[in-house]
PDB file of N, CA and C in Angstrom:
ATOM      1  N   UNK A   1       0.813  -1.191   0.000  1.00  0.00           N
ATOM      2  CA  UNK A   1       0.000   0.000   0.000  1.00  0.00           C
ATOM      3  C   UNK A   1       0.857   1.256   0.000  1.00  0.00           C
ATOM      4  N   UNK A   2       2.129   1.083   0.307  1.00  0.00           N
ATOM      5  CA  UNK A   2       3.008   2.252   0.322  1.00  0.00           C
ATOM      6  C   UNK A   2       3.351   2.749  -1.073  1.00  0.00           C
ATOM      7  N   UNK A   3       2.886   2.052  -2.123  1.00  0.00           N
ATOM      8  CA  UNK A   3       3.125   2.497  -3.496  1.00  0.00           C
ATOM      9  C   UNK A   3       2.032   3.446  -3.987  1.00  0.00           C
ATOM     10  N   UNK A   4       0.973   3.609  -3.206  1.00  0.00           N
ATOM     11  CA  UNK A   4      -0.081   4.542  -3.596  1.00  0.00           C
ATOM     12  C   UNK A   4       0.458   5.968  -3.531  1.00  0.00           C
ATOM     13  N   UNK A   5      -0.014   6.811  -4.416  1.00  0.00           N
ATOM     14  CA  UNK A   5       0.431   8.197  -4.458  1.00  0.00           C
ATOM     15  C   UNK A   5      -0.310   9.004  -3.398  1.00  0.00           C
ATOM     16  N   UNK A   6       0.413   9.919  -2.762  1.00  0.00           N
ATOM     17  CA  UNK A   6      -0.181  10.779  -1.737  1.00  0.00           C
ATOM     18  C   UNK A   6      -0.412  12.169  -2.305  1.00  0.00           C
ATOM     19  N   UNK A   7      -1.288  12.911  -1.643  1.00  0.00           N
ATOM     20  CA  UNK A   7      -1.543  14.285  -2.049  1.00  0.00           C
ATOM     21  C   UNK A   7      -2.440  14.422  -3.258  1.00  0.00           C
ATOM     22  N   UNK A   8      -3.082  13.347  -3.655  1.00  0.00           N
ATOM     23  CA  UNK A   8      -3.985  13.377  -4.807  1.00  0.00           C
ATOM     24  C   UNK A   8      -5.420  13.497  -4.303  1.00  0.00           C
ATOM     25  N   UNK A   9      -6.324  13.828  -5.206  1.00  0.00           N
ATOM     26  CA  UNK A   9      -7.732  13.894  -4.830  1.00  0.00           C
ATOM     27  C   UNK A   9      -8.223  12.485  -4.524  1.00  0.00           C
ATOM     28  N   UNK A  10      -9.323  12.368  -3.782  1.00  0.00           N
ATOM     29  CA  UNK A  10      -9.813  11.029  -3.441  1.00  0.00           C
ATOM     30  C   UNK A  10     -10.239  10.256  -4.681  1.00  0.00           C
ATOM     31  N   UNK A  11     -10.195   8.954  -4.578  1.00  0.00           N
ATOM     32  CA  UNK A  11     -10.614   8.103  -5.687  1.00  0.00           C
ATOM     33  C   UNK A  11     -12.129   8.181  -5.841  1.00  0.00           C
ATOM     34  N   UNK A  12     -12.683   7.594  -6.902  1.00  0.00           N
ATOM     35  CA  UNK A  12     -14.139   7.677  -7.124  1.00  0.00           C
ATOM     36  C   UNK A  12     -14.983   7.187  -5.942  1.00  0.00           C
ATOM     37  N   UNK A  13     -14.409   6.339  -5.072  1.00  0.00           N
ATOM     38  CA  UNK A  13     -15.160   5.880  -3.902  1.00  0.00           C
ATOM     39  C   UNK A  13     -15.116   6.892  -2.760  1.00  0.00           C
ATOM     40  N   UNK A  14     -14.378   7.995  -2.947  1.00  0.00           N
ATOM     41  CA  UNK A  14     -14.321   9.060  -1.954  1.00  0.00           C
ATOM     42  C   UNK A  14     -13.264   8.858  -0.878  1.00  0.00           C
ATOM     43  N   UNK A  15     -12.465   7.817  -0.983  1.00  0.00           N
ATOM     44  CA  UNK A  15     -11.452   7.519   0.031  1.00  0.00           C
ATOM     45  C   UNK A  15     -10.083   7.949  -0.480  1.00  0.00           C
ATOM     46  N   UNK A  16      -9.374   8.713   0.335  1.00  0.00           N
ATOM     47  CA  UNK A  16      -8.020   9.145  -0.012  1.00  0.00           C
ATOM     48  C   UNK A  16      -7.045   7.992   0.147  1.00  0.00           C
ATOM     49  N   UNK A  17      -6.026   7.951  -0.697  1.00  0.00           N
ATOM     50  CA  UNK A  17      -5.025   6.886  -0.610  1.00  0.00           C
ATOM     51  C   UNK A  17      -4.276   6.932   0.727  1.00  0.00           C
ATOM     52  N   UNK A  18      -4.181   8.115   1.324  1.00  0.00           N
ATOM     53  CA  UNK A  18      -3.513   8.247   2.614  1.00  0.00           C
ATOM     54  C   UNK A  18      -4.193   7.406   3.692  1.00  0.00           C
ATOM     55  N   UNK A  19      -5.498   7.186   3.541  1.00  0.00           N
ATOM     56  CA  UNK A  19      -6.228   6.370   4.518  1.00  0.00           C
ATOM     57  C   UNK A  19      -5.684   4.949   4.543  1.00  0.00           C
ATOM     58  N   UNK A  20      -5.357   4.420   3.377  1.00  0.00           N
ATOM     59  CA  UNK A  20      -4.793   3.069   3.299  1.00  0.00           C
ATOM     60  C   UNK A  20      -3.342   3.053   3.756  1.00  0.00           C
ATOM     61  N   UNK A  21      -2.591   4.078   3.376  1.00  0.00           N
ATOM     62  CA  UNK A  21      -1.171   4.133   3.701  1.00  0.00           C
ATOM     63  C   UNK A  21      -0.958   4.229   5.207  1.00  0.00           C
ATOM     64  N   UNK A  22      -1.760   5.055   5.885  1.00  0.00           N
ATOM     65  CA  UNK A  22      -1.585   5.278   7.321  1.00  0.00           C
ATOM     66  C   UNK A  22      -2.531   4.425   8.161  1.00  0.00           C
ATOM     67  N   UNK A  23      -3.216   3.480   7.533  1.00  0.00           N
ATOM     68  CA  UNK A  23      -4.174   2.640   8.250  1.00  0.00           C
ATOM     69  C   UNK A  23      -3.542   1.623   9.178  1.00  0.00           C
ATOM     70  N   UNK A  24      -2.288   1.374   8.995  1.00  0.00           N
ATOM     71  CA  UNK A  24      -1.580   0.474   9.895  1.00  0.00           C
ATOM     72  C   UNK A  24      -1.712  -0.991   9.526  1.00  0.00           C
ATOM     73  N   UNK A  25      -1.097  -1.810  10.357  1.00  0.00           N
ATOM     74  CA  UNK A  25      -1.046  -3.248  10.129  1.00  0.00           C
ATOM     75  C   UNK A  25      -2.421  -3.894  10.197  1.00  0.00           C
ATOM     76  N   UNK A  26      -3.261  -3.422  11.091  1.00  0.00           N
ATOM     77  CA  UNK A  26      -4.602  -4.012  11.231  1.00  0.00           C
ATOM     78  C   UNK A  26      -5.416  -3.835   9.946  1.00  0.00           C
ATOM     79  N   UNK A  27      -5.394  -2.641   9.378  1.00  0.00           N
ATOM     80  CA  UNK A  27      -6.118  -2.399   8.133  1.00  0.00           C
ATOM     81  C   UNK A  27      -5.524  -3.229   7.003  1.00  0.00           C
ATOM     82  N   UNK A  28      -4.192  -3.272   6.920  1.00  0.00           N
ATOM     83  CA  UNK A  28      -3.530  -4.045   5.866  1.00  0.00           C
ATOM     84  C   UNK A  28      -3.891  -5.522   5.973  1.00  0.00           C
ATOM     85  N   UNK A  29      -3.968  -6.039   7.184  1.00  0.00           N
ATOM     86  CA  UNK A  29      -4.335  -7.439   7.393  1.00  0.00           C
ATOM     87  C   UNK A  29      -5.750  -7.711   6.920  1.00  0.00           C
ATOM     88  N   UNK A  30      -6.679  -6.841   7.268  1.00  0.00           N
ATOM     89  CA  UNK A  30      -8.073  -7.019   6.863  1.00  0.00           C
ATOM     90  C   UNK A  30      -8.236  -6.893   5.345  1.00  0.00           C
ATOM     91  N   UNK A  31      -7.518  -5.981   4.740  1.00  0.00           N
ATOM     92  CA  UNK A  31      -7.576  -5.842   3.282  1.00  0.00           C
ATOM     93  C   UNK A  31      -6.994  -7.085   2.622  1.00  0.00           C
ATOM     94  N   UNK A  32      -5.919  -7.605   3.170  1.00  0.00           N
ATOM     95  CA  UNK A  32      -5.306  -8.824   2.627  1.00  0.00           C
ATOM     96  C   UNK A  32      -6.291  -9.992   2.694  1.00  0.00           C
ATOM     97  N   UNK A  33      -6.959 -10.142   3.809  1.00  0.00           N
ATOM     98  CA  UNK A  33      -7.952 -11.218   3.956  1.00  0.00           C
ATOM     99  C   UNK A  33      -9.070 -11.037   2.940  1.00  0.00           C
ATOM    100  N   UNK A  34      -9.556  -9.807   2.799  1.00  0.00           N
ATOM    101  CA  UNK A  34     -10.647  -9.535   1.869  1.00  0.00           C
ATOM    102  C   UNK A  34     -10.228  -9.845   0.424  1.00  0.00           C
ATOM    103  N   UNK A  35      -9.050  -9.385   0.025  1.00  0.00           N
ATOM    104  CA  UNK A  35      -8.596  -9.627  -1.343  1.00  0.00           C
ATOM    105  C   UNK A  35      -8.375 -11.112  -1.602  1.00  0.00           C
ATOM    106  N   UNK A  36      -7.870 -11.833  -0.613  1.00  0.00           N
ATOM    107  CA  UNK A  36      -7.697 -13.278  -0.755  1.00  0.00           C
ATOM    108  C   UNK A  36      -9.044 -13.980  -0.903  1.00  0.00           C
ATOM    109  N   UNK A  37     -10.055 -13.528  -0.171  1.00  0.00           N
ATOM    110  CA  UNK A  37     -11.389 -14.113  -0.313  1.00  0.00           C
ATOM    111  C   UNK A  37     -11.950 -13.860  -1.711  1.00  0.00           C
ATOM    112  N   UNK A  38     -11.705 -12.676  -2.250  1.00  0.00           N
ATOM    113  CA  UNK A  38     -12.139 -12.391  -3.623  1.00  0.00           C
ATOM    114  C   UNK A  38     -11.520 -13.383  -4.596  1.00  0.00           C
ATOM    115  N   UNK A  39     -10.218 -13.640  -4.419  1.00  0.00           N
ATOM    116  CA  UNK A  39      -9.525 -14.548  -5.329  1.00  0.00           C
ATOM    117  C   UNK A  39      -9.982 -15.993  -5.148  1.00  0.00           C
ATOM    118  N   UNK A  40     -10.147 -16.425  -3.915  1.00  0.00           N
ATOM    119  CA  UNK A  40     -10.567 -17.804  -3.643  1.00  0.00           C
ATOM    120  C   UNK A  40     -11.943 -18.082  -4.220  1.00  0.00           C
ATOM    121  N   UNK A  41     -12.837 -17.098  -4.108  1.00  0.00           N
ATOM    122  CA  UNK A  41     -14.219 -17.286  -4.554  1.00  0.00           C
ATOM    123  C   UNK A  41     -14.469 -16.773  -5.975  1.00  0.00           C
ATOM    124  N   UNK A  42     -13.406 -16.319  -6.633  1.00  0.00           N
ATOM    125  CA  UNK A  42     -13.530 -15.793  -8.003  1.00  0.00           C
ATOM    126  C   UNK A  42     -14.647 -14.759  -8.101  1.00  0.00           C
ATOM    127  N   UNK A  43     -14.640 -13.841  -7.174  1.00  0.00           N
ATOM    128  CA  UNK A  43     -15.692 -12.830  -7.114  1.00  0.00           C
ATOM    129  C   UNK A  43     -15.058 -11.466  -6.895  1.00  0.00           C
ATOM    130  N   UNK A  44     -15.532 -10.500  -7.653  1.00  0.00           N
ATOM    131  CA  UNK A  44     -15.081  -9.128  -7.482  1.00  0.00           C
ATOM    132  C   UNK A  44     -16.321  -8.230  -7.469  1.00  0.00           C
ATOM    133  N   UNK A  45     -16.558  -7.502  -6.385  1.00  0.00           N
ATOM    134  CA  UNK A  45     -17.728  -6.624  -6.324  1.00  0.00           C
ATOM    135  C   UNK A  45     -17.687  -5.570  -7.436  1.00  0.00           C
ATOM    136  N   UNK A  46     -18.846  -5.225  -7.943  1.00  0.00           N
ATOM    137  CA  UNK A  46     -18.936  -4.223  -9.009  1.00  0.00           C
ATOM    138  C   UNK A  46     -18.288  -2.905  -8.611  1.00  0.00           C
ATOM    139  N   UNK A  47     -18.425  -2.518  -7.342  1.00  0.00           N
ATOM    140  CA  UNK A  47     -17.856  -1.246  -6.882  1.00  0.00           C
ATOM    141  C   UNK A  47     -16.331  -1.231  -7.001  1.00  0.00           C
ATOM    142  N   UNK A  48     -15.706  -2.399  -6.967  1.00  0.00           N
ATOM    143  CA  UNK A  48     -14.259  -2.469  -7.125  1.00  0.00           C
ATOM    144  C   UNK A  48     -13.842  -2.123  -8.535  1.00  0.00           C
ATOM    145  N   UNK A  49     -14.735  -2.341  -9.469  1.00  0.00           N
ATOM    146  CA  UNK A  49     -14.398  -2.112 -10.868  1.00  0.00           C
ATOM    147  C   UNK A  49     -14.870  -0.747 -11.373  1.00  0.00           C
ATOM    148  N   UNK A  50     -15.450   0.066 -10.486  1.00  0.00           N
ATOM    149  CA  UNK A  50     -15.855   1.413 -10.876  1.00  0.00           C
ATOM    150  C   UNK A  50     -14.625   2.240 -11.221  1.00  0.00           C
ATOM    151  N   UNK A  51     -14.726   2.991 -12.280  1.00  0.00           N
ATOM    152  CA  UNK A  51     -13.634   3.871 -12.685  1.00  0.00           C
ATOM    153  C   UNK A  51     -14.227   5.040 -13.471  1.00  0.00           C
ATOM    154  N   UNK A  52     -13.495   6.125 -13.475  1.00  0.00           N
ATOM    155  CA  UNK A  52     -13.888   7.305 -14.229  1.00  0.00           C
ATOM    156  C   UNK A  52     -12.823   7.567 -15.279  1.00  0.00           C
ATOM    157  N   UNK A  53     -13.230   7.664 -16.535  1.00  0.00           N
ATOM    158  CA  UNK A  53     -12.293   7.946 -17.624  1.00  0.00           C
ATOM    159  C   UNK A  53     -12.356   9.435 -17.927  1.00  0.00           C
ATOM    160  N   UNK A  54     -11.191  10.061 -17.895  1.00  0.00           N
ATOM    161  CA  UNK A  54     -11.105  11.506 -18.088  1.00  0.00           C
ATOM    162  C   UNK A  54     -10.215  11.796 -19.298  1.00  0.00           C
ATOM    163  N   UNK A  55     -10.712  12.595 -20.261  1.00  0.00           N
ATOM    164  CA  UNK A  55      -9.853  12.978 -21.391  1.00  0.00           C
ATOM    165  C   UNK A  55      -8.931  14.140 -21.005  1.00  0.00           C
ATOM    166  N   UNK A  56      -7.664  14.026 -21.363  1.00  0.00           N
ATOM    167  CA  UNK A  56      -6.697  15.092 -21.113  1.00  0.00           C
ATOM    168  C   UNK A  56      -6.153  15.590 -22.444  1.00  0.00           C
ATOM    169  N   UNK A  57      -6.013  16.897 -22.552  1.00  0.00           N
ATOM    170  CA  UNK A  57      -5.465  17.505 -23.767  1.00  0.00           C
ATOM    171  C   UNK A  57      -3.955  17.249 -23.800  1.00  0.00           C
ATOM    172  N   UNK A  58      -3.470  16.776 -24.935  1.00  0.00           N
ATOM    173  CA  UNK A  58      -2.028  16.545 -25.095  1.00  0.00           C
ATOM    174  C   UNK A  58      -1.296  17.866 -25.278  1.00  0.00           C
ATOM    175  N   UNK A  59      -1.801  18.703 -26.180  1.00  0.00           N
ATOM    176  CA  UNK A  59      -1.151  19.975 -26.485  1.00  0.00           C
ATOM    177  C   UNK A  59      -2.228  21.046 -26.622  1.00  0.00           C
ATOM    178  N   UNK A  60      -2.239  21.989 -25.690  1.00  0.00           N
ATOM    179  CA  UNK A  60      -3.278  23.021 -25.688  1.00  0.00           C
ATOM    180  C   UNK A  60      -3.144  23.976 -26.868  1.00  0.00           C
ATOM    181  N   UNK A  61      -1.979  24.029 -27.490  1.00  0.00           N
ATOM    182  CA  UNK A  61      -1.764  24.905 -28.627  1.00  0.00           C
ATOM    183  C   UNK A  61      -2.308  24.346 -29.932  1.00  0.00           C
ATOM    184  N   UNK A  62      -2.672  23.074 -29.940  1.00  0.00           N
ATOM    185  CA  UNK A  62      -3.189  22.449 -31.155  1.00  0.00           C
ATOM    186  C   UNK A  62      -4.714  22.503 -31.155  1.00  0.00           C
ATOM    187  N   UNK A  63      -5.296  21.942 -32.194  1.00  0.00           N
ATOM    188  CA  UNK A  63      -6.746  21.957 -32.388  1.00  0.00           C
ATOM    189  C   UNK A  63      -7.436  21.137 -31.305  1.00  0.00           C
ATOM    190  N   UNK A  64      -8.220  21.814 -30.460  1.00  0.00           N
ATOM    191  CA  UNK A  64      -8.923  21.136 -29.374  1.00  0.00           C
ATOM    192  C   UNK A  64     -10.118  20.325 -29.866  1.00  0.00           C
ATOM    193  N   UNK A  65     -10.519  20.533 -31.096  1.00  0.00           N
ATOM    194  CA  UNK A  65     -11.629  19.764 -31.667  1.00  0.00           C
ATOM    195  C   UNK A  65     -11.152  18.435 -32.250  1.00  0.00           C
ATOM    196  N   UNK A  66      -9.843  18.278 -32.383  1.00  0.00           N
ATOM    197  CA  UNK A  66      -9.271  17.058 -32.951  1.00  0.00           C
ATOM    198  C   UNK A  66      -9.116  16.007 -31.854  1.00  0.00           C
ATOM    199  N   UNK A  67      -9.773  14.869 -32.045  1.00  0.00           N
ATOM    200  CA  UNK A  67      -9.765  13.819 -31.021  1.00  0.00           C
ATOM    201  C   UNK A  67      -8.377  13.240 -30.779  1.00  0.00           C
ATOM    202  N   UNK A  68      -7.491  13.290 -31.769  1.00  0.00           N
ATOM    203  CA  UNK A  68      -6.146  12.744 -31.589  1.00  0.00           C
ATOM    204  C   UNK A  68      -5.282  13.639 -30.700  1.00  0.00           C
ATOM    205  N   UNK A  69      -5.787  14.808 -30.319  1.00  0.00           N
ATOM    206  CA  UNK A  69      -5.084  15.708 -29.423  1.00  0.00           C
ATOM    207  C   UNK A  69      -5.414  15.413 -27.957  1.00  0.00           C
ATOM    208  N   UNK A  70      -6.049  14.289 -27.708  1.00  0.00           N
ATOM    209  CA  UNK A  70      -6.436  13.916 -26.351  1.00  0.00           C
ATOM    210  C   UNK A  70      -5.895  12.536 -26.015  1.00  0.00           C
ATOM    211  N   UNK A  71      -5.662  12.322 -24.736  1.00  0.00           N
ATOM    212  CA  UNK A  71      -5.362  10.985 -24.229  1.00  0.00           C
ATOM    213  C   UNK A  71      -6.261  10.759 -23.019  1.00  0.00           C
ATOM    214  N   UNK A  72      -6.557   9.528 -22.765  1.00  0.00           N
ATOM    215  CA  UNK A  72      -7.470   9.209 -21.668  1.00  0.00           C
ATOM    216  C   UNK A  72      -6.690   8.698 -20.463  1.00  0.00           C
ATOM    217  N   UNK A  73      -7.144   9.086 -19.280  1.00  0.00           N
ATOM    218  CA  UNK A  73      -6.630   8.490 -18.059  1.00  0.00           C
ATOM    219  C   UNK A  73      -7.821   7.894 -17.319  1.00  0.00           C
ATOM    220  N   UNK A  74      -7.559   6.869 -16.550  1.00  0.00           N
ATOM    221  CA  UNK A  74      -8.613   6.216 -15.791  1.00  0.00           C
ATOM    222  C   UNK A  74      -8.360   6.428 -14.311  1.00  0.00           C
ATOM    223  N   UNK A  75      -9.375   6.952 -13.628  1.00  0.00           N
ATOM    224  CA  UNK A  75      -9.299   7.137 -12.182  1.00  0.00           C
ATOM    225  C   UNK A  75     -10.030   5.971 -11.538  1.00  0.00           C
ATOM    226  N   UNK A  76      -9.273   5.090 -10.880  1.00  0.00           N
ATOM    227  CA  UNK A  76      -9.891   3.934 -10.236  1.00  0.00           C
ATOM    228  C   UNK A  76      -9.792   4.077  -8.720  1.00  0.00           C
ATOM    229  N   UNK A  77     -10.548   3.251  -8.018  1.00  0.00           N
ATOM    230  CA  UNK A  77     -10.548   3.278  -6.558  1.00  0.00           C
ATOM    231  C   UNK A  77      -9.171   2.895  -6.017  1.00  0.00           C
ATOM    232  N   UNK A  78      -8.797   3.481  -4.895  1.00  0.00           N
ATOM    233  CA  UNK A  78      -7.485   3.204  -4.304  1.00  0.00           C
ATOM    234  C   UNK A  78      -7.338   1.735  -3.932  1.00  0.00           C
ATOM    235  N   UNK A  79      -8.385   1.127  -3.435  1.00  0.00           N
ATOM    236  CA  UNK A  79      -8.308  -0.278  -3.044  1.00  0.00           C
ATOM    237  C   UNK A  79      -8.098  -1.165  -4.273  1.00  0.00           C
ATOM    238  N   UNK A  80      -8.653  -0.758  -5.407  1.00  0.00           N
ATOM    239  CA  UNK A  80      -8.439  -1.499  -6.645  1.00  0.00           C
ATOM    240  C   UNK A  80      -6.981  -1.389  -7.070  1.00  0.00           C
ATOM    241  N   UNK A  81      -6.380  -0.226  -6.853  1.00  0.00           N
ATOM    242  CA  UNK A  81      -4.965  -0.042  -7.182  1.00  0.00           C
ATOM    243  C   UNK A  81      -4.097  -0.962  -6.328  1.00  0.00           C
ATOM    244  N   UNK A  82      -4.480  -1.154  -5.062  1.00  0.00           N
ATOM    245  CA  UNK A  82      -3.735  -2.080  -4.197  1.00  0.00           C
ATOM    246  C   UNK A  82      -3.762  -3.472  -4.805  1.00  0.00           C
ATOM    247  N   UNK A  83      -4.934  -3.921  -5.249  1.00  0.00           N
ATOM    248  CA  UNK A  83      -5.062  -5.238  -5.873  1.00  0.00           C
ATOM    249  C   UNK A  83      -4.241  -5.315  -7.160  1.00  0.00           C
ATOM    250  N   UNK A  84      -4.231  -4.239  -7.943  1.00  0.00           N
ATOM    251  CA  UNK A  84      -3.430  -4.208  -9.165  1.00  0.00           C
ATOM    252  C   UNK A  84      -1.942  -4.343  -8.852  1.00  0.00           C
ATOM    253  N   UNK A  85      -1.467  -3.673  -7.790  1.00  0.00           N
ATOM    254  CA  UNK A  85      -0.064  -3.790  -7.392  1.00  0.00           C
ATOM    255  C   UNK A  85       0.270  -5.225  -6.991  1.00  0.00           C
ATOM    256  N   UNK A  86      -0.653  -5.887  -6.287  1.00  0.00           N
ATOM    257  CA  UNK A  86      -0.435  -7.277  -5.885  1.00  0.00           C
ATOM    258  C   UNK A  86      -0.293  -8.160  -7.126  1.00  0.00           C
ATOM    259  N   UNK A  87      -1.204  -7.993  -8.095  1.00  0.00           N
ATOM    260  CA  UNK A  87      -1.142  -8.780  -9.323  1.00  0.00           C
ATOM    261  C   UNK A  87       0.150  -8.499 -10.088  1.00  0.00           C
ATOM    262  N   UNK A  88       0.531  -7.240 -10.171  1.00  0.00           N
ATOM    263  CA  UNK A  88       1.745  -6.871 -10.891  1.00  0.00           C
ATOM    264  C   UNK A  88       2.973  -7.507 -10.245  1.00  0.00           C
ATOM    265  N   UNK A  89       3.076  -7.400  -8.919  1.00  0.00           N
ATOM    266  CA  UNK A  89       4.231  -7.975  -8.233  1.00  0.00           C
ATOM    267  C   UNK A  89       4.268  -9.491  -8.399  1.00  0.00           C
ATOM    268  N   UNK A  90       3.108 -10.130  -8.320  1.00  0.00           N
ATOM    269  CA  UNK A  90       3.035 -11.580  -8.485  1.00  0.00           C
ATOM    270  C   UNK A  90       3.480 -11.972  -9.893  1.00  0.00           C
ATOM    271  N   UNK A  91       3.025 -11.229 -10.882  1.00  0.00           N
ATOM    272  CA  UNK A  91       3.390 -11.514 -12.272  1.00  0.00           C
ATOM    273  C   UNK A  91       4.886 -11.306 -12.496  1.00  0.00           C
ATOM    274  N   UNK A  92       5.428 -10.213 -11.990  1.00  0.00           N
ATOM    275  CA  UNK A  92       6.842  -9.941 -12.174  1.00  0.00           C
ATOM    276  C   UNK A  92       7.705 -10.960 -11.439  1.00  0.00           C
ATOM    277  N   UNK A  93       7.276 -11.367 -10.262  1.00  0.00           N
ATOM    278  CA  UNK A  93       8.013 -12.373  -9.493  1.00  0.00           C
ATOM    279  C   UNK A  93       8.006 -13.706 -10.244  1.00  0.00           C
ATOM    280  N   UNK A  94       6.876 -14.056 -10.831  1.00  0.00           N
ATOM    281  CA  UNK A  94       6.766 -15.285 -11.604  1.00  0.00           C
ATOM    282  C   UNK A  94       7.659 -15.269 -12.823  1.00  0.00           C
ATOM    283  N   UNK A  95       7.733 -14.136 -13.490  1.00  0.00           N
ATOM    284  CA  UNK A  95       8.584 -14.023 -14.675  1.00  0.00           C
ATOM    285  C   UNK A  95      10.060 -14.103 -14.312  1.00  0.00           C
ATOM    286  N   UNK A  96      10.424 -13.549 -13.168  1.00  0.00           N
ATOM    287  CA  UNK A  96      11.831 -13.605 -12.784  1.00  0.00           C
ATOM    288  C   UNK A  96      12.250 -15.025 -12.427  1.00  0.00           C
ATOM    289  N   UNK A  97      11.290 -15.870 -12.078  1.00  0.00           N
ATOM    290  CA  UNK A  97      11.586 -17.270 -11.768  1.00  0.00           C
ATOM    291  C   UNK A  97      11.484 -18.146 -13.013  1.00  0.00           C
ATOM    292  N   UNK A  98      11.106 -17.565 -14.140  1.00  0.00           N
ATOM    293  CA  UNK A  98      10.992 -18.339 -15.375  1.00  0.00           C
ATOM    294  C   UNK A  98       9.636 -18.973 -15.582  1.00  0.00           C
ATOM    295  N   UNK A  99       8.638 -18.565 -14.792  1.00  0.00           N
ATOM    296  CA  UNK A  99       7.286 -19.106 -14.961  1.00  0.00           C
ATOM    297  C   UNK A  99       6.622 -18.464 -16.166  1.00  0.00           C
ATOM    298  N   UNK A 100       5.715 -19.168 -16.770  1.00  0.00           N
ATOM    299  CA  UNK A 100       4.946 -18.623 -17.896  1.00  0.00           C
ATOM    300  C   UNK A 100       3.614 -18.120 -17.380  1.00  0.00           C
ATOM    301  N   UNK A 101       3.646 -17.129 -16.514  1.00  0.00           N
ATOM    302  CA  UNK A 101       2.414 -16.589 -15.914  1.00  0.00           C
ATOM    303  C   UNK A 101       1.712 -15.624 -16.829  1.00  0.00           C
TER     304      UNK A 101
END
């Protein structure tokens, strides 16, 4: 959870990433149990997959009516980002061991 960015606006669920970072060992343990239950039961709540897609202008000096002058970013819930970090680390660890994950 220490990989979450601080000082950003709250995620779409309204929770700041600092809440997870400073939540301590007890919160981290409960989140770990919850995420493991999701994986064991092959279930992910719809709220975990909520995200907001925001278009950002690449170059303000160019034509703002041209769609190619935009790129999209996705704002996802902080807890979902924690799960993404877990998956990423697991995948990278598997690749470093020579697994075909």
